[in-house]
Amino acid sequence: MALIPPAYLNSVVSIGVEKKNDKSEPEFKSLATGFLIGRAIGEKNEQGQQPYRLFLVTNRHVFHNNKTKEYVKEVLLRLNTTESKSHHFKVSLLNTDGKPTWSMHDNEKVDLAVLPINADAMTEAKIDFYFFRENDLFFAKDFSMKNISTGDGLFVLGFPMSISGKAKNFVIVRQGIIARVDEEVLEEGFYYIDASAYPGNSGGPVIIKPEIVSIQGTASNNSAGLIGVISSGETYSDVAVSQQTGEAKVIFTEQTGLVRVVPIEQIYEIVDSIMKSAVPAQEAKVENAGSKVKE
């Protein structure tokens, strides 16, 4: 019995850079996670097919260093092909004027980055990809109507600790629950889940777990779907104190297990802003790097 639609795994993208290995050969190192989402455009064609605009979603802090305030110039996107291999796209994140080719939310507290993607380039490279569309989405404002509430199970998809597979992407799936979702935290642009998320999970999709049982007087949600984007984990400091001086000697930062998730609404606000812009956003410059980077 599958609780996650298998196609959802093909929406997940490993975001990384090229590093030199011990043999001074270039190899791919996964640093973060992203996923593909589509926005319907125009009318359906004669075959009933709906055209879509394609976007990569991840965290803003993946493309912009919060400490140095510097923008990342380029990244490698690794996806799987229909031939059970991996393919790398080198993506420029800055245009010739030094401005980002991706968009962020007007609210600086919202940790999201949305990058227009050239779907034709992916098709030409024989990428086996899926993108989330309207019927895959659960907006936070609709949680109660969709029978989603605090305590419900979920899955976190991504590539924690650079564990992404050698020959191709192999998505790590971990479980959790919705820990807190209310108007107070949603006004801050996130809600809480209780899950195991580590460096590399940033920008990964959160999928609601379908349930067929519920307590008396409530209904269950029997569909999987995208409910948000992993942002960052809440941490606490554990202090080691010197027995001689009584002063703090070493401070350890530990994960609490509580993770901030950005709801779907925020993604759509950025995407809609891109779609309505007077100056249409151009897909980022993409260069095939599949034959240049080793695993």
Protein backbone atom coordinates (compact mmCIF):
# COMPACT_ATOMS: atom_id res chain seq x y z
CA MET A 1 0.00 0.00 0.00
CA ALA A 2 1.53 3.30 -1.09
CA LEU A 3 0.89 6.34 1.12
CA ILE A 4 2.87 8.69 -1.13
CA PRO A 5 2.05 8.80 -4.86
CA PRO A 6 5.23 7.46 -6.52
CA ALA A 7 5.24 10.37 -8.99
CA TYR A 8 5.73 12.82 -6.10
CA LEU A 9 9.30 11.57 -5.68
CA ASN A 10 10.05 12.69 -9.25
CA SER A 11 9.16 16.26 -8.31
CA VAL A 12 12.01 16.48 -5.81
CA VAL A 13 15.24 18.11 -7.01
CA SER A 14 18.68 17.91 -5.43
CA ILE A 15 20.34 21.34 -5.33
CA GLY A 16 24.11 21.34 -5.05
CA VAL A 17 27.48 22.46 -6.26
CA GLU A 18 30.50 21.01 -8.01
CA LYS A 19 33.32 19.96 -5.70
CA LYS A 20 36.72 18.36 -6.30
CA ASN A 21 37.19 14.87 -4.92
CA ASP A 22 40.45 13.30 -3.70
CA LYS A 23 41.43 12.68 -7.33
CA SER A 24 40.80 16.34 -8.25
CA GLU A 25 37.81 15.25 -10.31
CA PRO A 26 34.59 17.26 -10.28
CA GLU A 27 31.75 15.64 -8.39
CA PHE A 28 28.28 16.65 -7.27
CA LYS A 29 27.63 17.58 -3.65
CA SER A 30 24.01 17.99 -2.61
CA LEU A 31 23.40 20.99 -0.31
CA ALA A 32 19.63 21.51 -0.30
CA THR A 33 16.32 20.33 -1.66
CA GLY A 34 13.80 21.83 -4.07
CA PHE A 35 10.74 20.64 -5.91
CA LEU A 36 8.75 21.45 -9.04
CA ILE A 37 5.37 23.12 -9.12
CA GLY A 38 3.25 24.12 -12.12
CA ARG A 39 0.84 26.99 -12.74
CA ALA A 40 -1.84 26.55 -15.37
CA ILE A 41 -1.75 29.03 -18.26
CA GLY A 42 -4.06 29.57 -21.22
CA GLU A 43 -6.75 27.18 -22.36
CA LYS A 44 -6.66 23.42 -22.85
CA ASN A 45 -5.72 22.25 -26.34
CA GLU A 46 -7.82 20.06 -28.61
CA GLN A 47 -6.53 16.96 -26.84
CA GLY A 48 -7.71 18.34 -23.51
CA GLN A 49 -4.18 18.99 -22.28
CA GLN A 50 -3.60 21.97 -20.01
CA PRO A 51 -0.43 24.03 -20.58
CA TYR A 52 1.59 24.88 -17.48
CA ARG A 53 4.39 27.23 -16.48
CA LEU A 54 7.04 25.39 -14.48
CA PHE A 55 8.81 26.64 -11.33
CA LEU A 56 11.41 25.34 -8.89
CA VAL A 57 10.59 26.04 -5.24
CA THR A 58 13.15 26.07 -2.42
CA ASN A 59 14.15 28.31 0.50
CA ARG A 60 15.42 31.84 0.06
CA HIS A 61 18.38 31.07 2.31
CA VAL A 62 19.52 28.43 -0.21
CA PHE A 63 20.06 31.14 -2.85
CA HIS A 64 20.90 34.04 -0.51
CA ASN A 65 23.33 33.89 2.42
CA ASN A 66 21.57 35.48 5.39
CA LYS A 67 24.86 36.17 7.19
CA THR A 68 26.95 37.68 4.39
CA LYS A 69 23.91 39.07 2.49
CA GLU A 70 25.47 37.72 -0.70
CA TYR A 71 23.59 36.00 -3.53
CA VAL A 72 24.63 32.57 -4.76
CA LYS A 73 25.79 32.90 -8.38
CA GLU A 74 24.97 29.44 -9.68
CA VAL A 75 23.94 25.96 -8.60
CA LEU A 76 23.63 22.50 -10.05
CA LEU A 77 20.21 20.89 -10.21
CA ARG A 78 20.28 17.10 -10.30
CA LEU A 79 17.29 15.17 -11.58
CA ASN A 80 16.70 11.61 -12.73
CA THR A 81 16.26 10.63 -16.35
CA THR A 82 13.94 8.11 -17.96
CA GLU A 83 17.04 5.95 -18.45
CA SER A 84 17.54 5.52 -14.67
CA LYS A 85 20.50 7.88 -14.58
CA SER A 86 21.05 11.33 -13.17
CA HIS A 87 21.43 14.54 -15.14
CA HIS A 88 22.86 17.86 -13.98
CA PHE A 89 21.77 21.32 -15.04
CA LYS A 90 24.06 24.25 -14.28
CA VAL A 91 21.75 27.16 -13.48
CA SER A 92 22.78 30.81 -13.33
CA LEU A 93 21.01 32.53 -10.42
CA LEU A 94 22.09 36.04 -11.40
CA ASN A 95 21.55 37.83 -14.70
CA THR A 96 24.09 40.05 -16.46
CA ASP A 97 23.08 42.98 -14.23
CA GLY A 98 23.80 40.97 -11.11
CA LYS A 99 20.15 40.72 -10.19
CA PRO A 100 18.54 37.42 -9.13
CA THR A 101 16.82 35.34 -11.79
CA TRP A 102 14.58 34.00 -9.02
CA SER A 103 11.88 35.71 -6.97
CA MET A 104 11.23 36.03 -3.26
CA HIS A 105 8.22 37.04 -1.17
CA ASP A 106 7.53 40.69 -0.34
CA ASN A 107 7.56 39.65 3.31
CA GLU A 108 11.20 39.07 4.29
CA LYS A 109 10.09 36.62 6.98
CA VAL A 110 8.86 34.21 4.30
CA ASP A 111 11.75 31.86 3.55
CA LEU A 112 10.96 31.03 -0.07
CA ALA A 113 12.64 31.29 -3.47
CA VAL A 114 10.82 30.57 -6.73
CA LEU A 115 12.80 30.04 -9.93
CA PRO A 116 11.15 29.80 -13.38
CA ILE A 117 12.27 26.62 -15.12
CA ASN A 118 12.53 25.81 -18.83
CA ALA A 119 10.47 22.65 -19.20
CA ASP A 120 11.65 22.14 -22.79
CA ALA A 121 15.27 21.77 -21.62
CA MET A 122 14.19 19.10 -19.17
CA THR A 123 12.22 17.24 -21.81
CA GLU A 124 15.17 17.34 -24.21
CA ALA A 125 17.40 15.88 -21.50
CA LYS A 126 14.89 13.04 -21.00
CA ILE A 127 14.20 14.03 -17.40
CA ASP A 128 11.63 11.87 -15.61
CA PHE A 129 9.89 14.66 -13.72
CA TYR A 130 6.57 15.45 -12.09
CA PHE A 131 5.29 18.81 -10.89
CA PHE A 132 2.68 19.59 -8.26
CA ARG A 133 -0.48 21.11 -9.67
CA GLU A 134 -3.73 22.46 -8.26
CA ASN A 135 -5.27 19.09 -7.36
CA ASP A 136 -2.13 18.14 -5.38
CA LEU A 137 -2.25 21.14 -3.06
CA PHE A 138 -3.66 21.68 0.42
CA PHE A 139 -3.67 25.33 1.46
CA ALA A 140 -3.36 26.10 5.17
CA LYS A 141 -6.52 28.20 5.04
CA ASP A 142 -8.41 25.10 3.93
CA PHE A 143 -6.98 22.65 6.48
CA SER A 144 -10.12 22.47 8.62
CA MET A 145 -12.35 22.03 5.57
CA LYS A 146 -10.03 19.27 4.29
CA ASN A 147 -10.04 17.55 7.72
CA ILE A 148 -6.38 18.35 8.38
CA SER A 149 -5.46 19.39 11.90
CA THR A 150 -2.82 19.36 14.62
CA GLY A 151 -1.56 15.84 15.27
CA ASP A 152 -2.11 14.59 11.73
CA GLY A 153 0.68 12.59 10.15
CA LEU A 154 2.91 13.80 7.33
CA PHE A 155 6.03 12.98 5.31
CA VAL A 156 9.13 15.12 4.78
CA LEU A 157 10.93 14.56 1.46
CA GLY A 158 14.48 15.64 0.72
CA PHE A 159 18.22 15.04 0.90
CA PRO A 160 19.43 15.52 4.50
CA MET A 161 23.16 15.61 5.24
CA SER A 162 23.98 15.46 1.49
CA ILE A 163 22.58 11.91 1.31
CA SER A 164 21.19 11.99 -2.20
CA GLY A 165 22.40 8.82 -3.91
CA LYS A 166 25.44 8.19 -6.08
CA ALA A 167 24.14 7.05 -9.47
CA LYS A 168 20.87 9.04 -9.25
CA ASN A 169 18.60 10.86 -6.84
CA PHE A 170 17.13 8.68 -4.11
CA VAL A 171 14.78 10.75 -1.98
CA ILE A 172 14.88 10.32 1.79
CA VAL A 173 11.36 10.09 3.25
CA ARG A 174 10.77 10.69 6.97
CA GLN A 175 7.61 10.89 9.05
CA GLY A 176 6.27 13.58 11.37
CA ILE A 177 3.10 15.28 12.55
CA ILE A 178 1.58 18.75 12.39
CA ALA A 179 2.63 20.27 15.72
CA ARG A 180 0.99 23.68 15.61
CA VAL A 181 -1.00 25.55 12.99
CA ASP A 182 -3.01 28.62 13.94
CA GLU A 183 -3.56 32.22 12.90
CA GLU A 184 -0.78 33.49 15.16
CA VAL A 185 2.06 31.55 13.55
CA LEU A 186 0.53 31.75 10.06
CA GLU A 187 0.73 35.55 10.30
CA GLU A 188 4.49 35.04 10.66
CA GLY A 189 4.55 33.06 7.41
CA PHE A 190 4.95 29.52 8.77
CA TYR A 191 3.54 26.78 10.99
CA TYR A 192 5.21 24.03 13.03
CA ILE A 193 5.66 20.34 12.43
CA ASP A 194 7.36 17.76 14.64
CA ALA A 195 9.76 15.90 12.37
CA SER A 196 13.40 15.03 11.82
CA ALA A 197 14.89 17.59 9.45
CA TYR A 198 18.58 18.34 9.05
CA PRO A 199 20.85 20.45 6.80
CA GLY A 200 20.00 19.46 3.25
CA ASN A 201 16.25 19.20 3.95
CA SER A 202 15.86 22.95 3.38
CA GLY A 203 13.35 23.60 0.62
CA GLY A 204 11.91 20.10 0.65
CA PRO A 205 8.20 19.36 0.21
CA VAL A 206 5.96 18.31 3.10
CA ILE A 207 3.27 15.78 2.17
CA ILE A 208 0.16 15.13 4.26
CA LYS A 209 -0.27 11.47 5.17
CA PRO A 210 -3.62 10.01 4.06
CA GLU A 211 -5.65 8.44 6.86
CA ILE A 212 -8.68 6.15 6.72
CA VAL A 213 -9.54 6.28 10.43
CA SER A 214 -10.49 9.13 12.76
CA ILE A 215 -11.96 9.62 16.21
CA GLN A 216 -15.72 9.72 16.64
CA GLY A 217 -17.32 12.94 15.50
CA THR A 218 -14.51 13.86 13.07
CA ALA A 219 -13.74 13.00 9.46
CA SER A 220 -10.46 11.74 8.02
CA ASN A 221 -8.45 12.94 5.04
CA ASN A 222 -7.76 10.05 2.67
CA SER A 223 -5.64 11.92 0.11
CA ALA A 224 -1.94 12.71 -0.02
CA GLY A 225 -0.90 16.17 -1.12
CA LEU A 226 1.56 19.02 -0.75
CA ILE A 227 0.98 21.09 2.41
CA GLY A 228 4.15 23.16 2.65
CA VAL A 229 7.90 23.69 2.35
CA ILE A 230 10.54 22.87 4.96
CA SER A 231 12.25 26.07 6.13
CA SER A 232 14.36 25.62 9.26
CA GLY A 233 14.48 23.74 12.52
CA GLU A 234 14.07 25.29 15.95
CA THR A 235 17.20 24.83 18.06
CA TYR A 236 18.22 25.24 21.68
CA SER A 237 21.59 25.74 23.38
CA ASP A 238 23.03 23.20 25.79
CA VAL A 239 25.86 24.70 27.86
CA ALA A 240 28.82 22.78 29.29
CA VAL A 241 30.00 24.56 32.47
CA SER A 242 33.55 24.49 33.81
CA GLN A 243 33.72 22.82 37.24
CA GLN A 244 36.63 25.09 38.22
CA THR A 245 35.27 28.49 37.23
CA GLY A 246 31.55 27.82 37.00
CA GLU A 247 31.53 29.64 33.67
CA ALA A 248 30.25 28.42 30.32
CA LYS A 249 32.98 26.49 28.54
CA VAL A 250 31.29 25.00 25.49
CA ILE A 251 27.88 25.74 23.99
CA PHE A 252 26.22 23.00 21.95
CA THR A 253 23.37 23.79 19.57
CA GLU A 254 20.81 21.00 19.42
CA GLN A 255 17.70 20.38 17.35
CA THR A 256 14.34 20.40 19.16
CA GLY A 257 12.54 18.39 16.49
CA LEU A 258 10.22 21.34 15.80
CA VAL A 259 10.51 22.51 12.20
CA ARG A 260 9.09 25.59 10.49
CA VAL A 261 7.06 24.94 7.36
CA VAL A 262 6.03 27.63 4.87
CA PRO A 263 2.43 27.08 3.67
CA ILE A 264 1.37 26.76 0.03
CA GLU A 265 -0.30 30.19 0.01
CA GLN A 266 3.08 31.89 0.13
CA ILE A 267 4.33 29.96 -2.91
CA TYR A 268 1.33 31.00 -4.96
CA GLU A 269 1.69 34.63 -3.94
CA ILE A 270 5.19 34.64 -5.43
CA VAL A 271 4.19 32.66 -8.53
CA ASP A 272 1.18 34.91 -9.18
CA SER A 273 3.41 37.96 -8.82
CA ILE A 274 5.76 36.52 -11.45
CA MET A 275 2.87 35.70 -13.78
CA LYS A 276 1.34 39.19 -13.46
CA SER A 277 4.60 41.07 -13.80
CA ALA A 278 4.71 43.73 -16.53
CA VAL A 279 8.13 42.38 -17.45
CA PRO A 280 7.73 38.60 -17.92
CA ALA A 281 10.25 36.61 -15.91
CA GLN A 282 12.67 34.64 -18.03
CA GLU A 283 13.67 31.09 -17.23
CA ALA A 284 17.10 30.95 -15.67
CA LYS A 285 19.98 30.27 -18.02
CA VAL A 286 20.40 26.50 -18.02
CA GLU A 287 23.48 24.66 -19.20
CA ASN A 288 23.57 20.90 -19.48
CA ALA A 289 26.31 19.61 -17.20
CA GLY A 290 25.35 15.97 -17.14
CA SER A 291 28.54 14.71 -18.79
CA LYS A 292 30.86 17.00 -16.83
CA VAL A 293 30.03 16.07 -13.26
CA LYS A 294 30.76 12.69 -11.76
CA GLU A 295 29.00 11.06 -8.83
